[in-house]
Amino acid sequence: MAACLGVTYGYVNQLRSGLRQTRHISDDFAVACAHYLGVPPVVVKMVAGRIPMSDFVTPREPEEDALDRAMAQMLDDPVARRNLPADMSELSLSAKRALVAMYIEASGRDVFGMHQLPEMVRWLQRAATIHDESEAEMLRGHRDFAD
């Protein structure tokens, strides 16, 4: 696997053991992993922690507020309420994230409005295309200027 990814076994082992943090992988390594796994590079970047959940929360709502809103929805669910502590206000942010993630997985409820995610991804694709076209145009301009 390491050879297919163009890195050493030691590097992969450091990522696996936590000696190196996955969120610091290079774009090239993310692309190599994506190719190896047969997934888009953005998936690898998300799993590696380079694109956090907070990037999908609207800017006008801090992540902690979104998590608190999601936790309130969990407590409104009679099944979930029976299995959760009554007071979750003292939980850490990471504990809240974990609980909400498990609830979403178990219930299938869209507590963060992720049904909007396909539209967000389309906007991201458009932005990436515009960026790539602008970058290519800029490079062509530099070459023309150099000639």
Foldseek 3Di string as FASTA:
>chain_A
DCVQLVHDPVVVVCCVVVVDQLLPDDLSSLCSVCVVVVHDSVVSNDVSVVCDPQVVADPVAGPVRLLVQLVVVLCVDVVSVVVDDPDPPPPDPVVSVVVSVVCCVVPVDDSRVCVCVVVVVVVVVVVVVVVVVVVVVVVVVVVVVVD
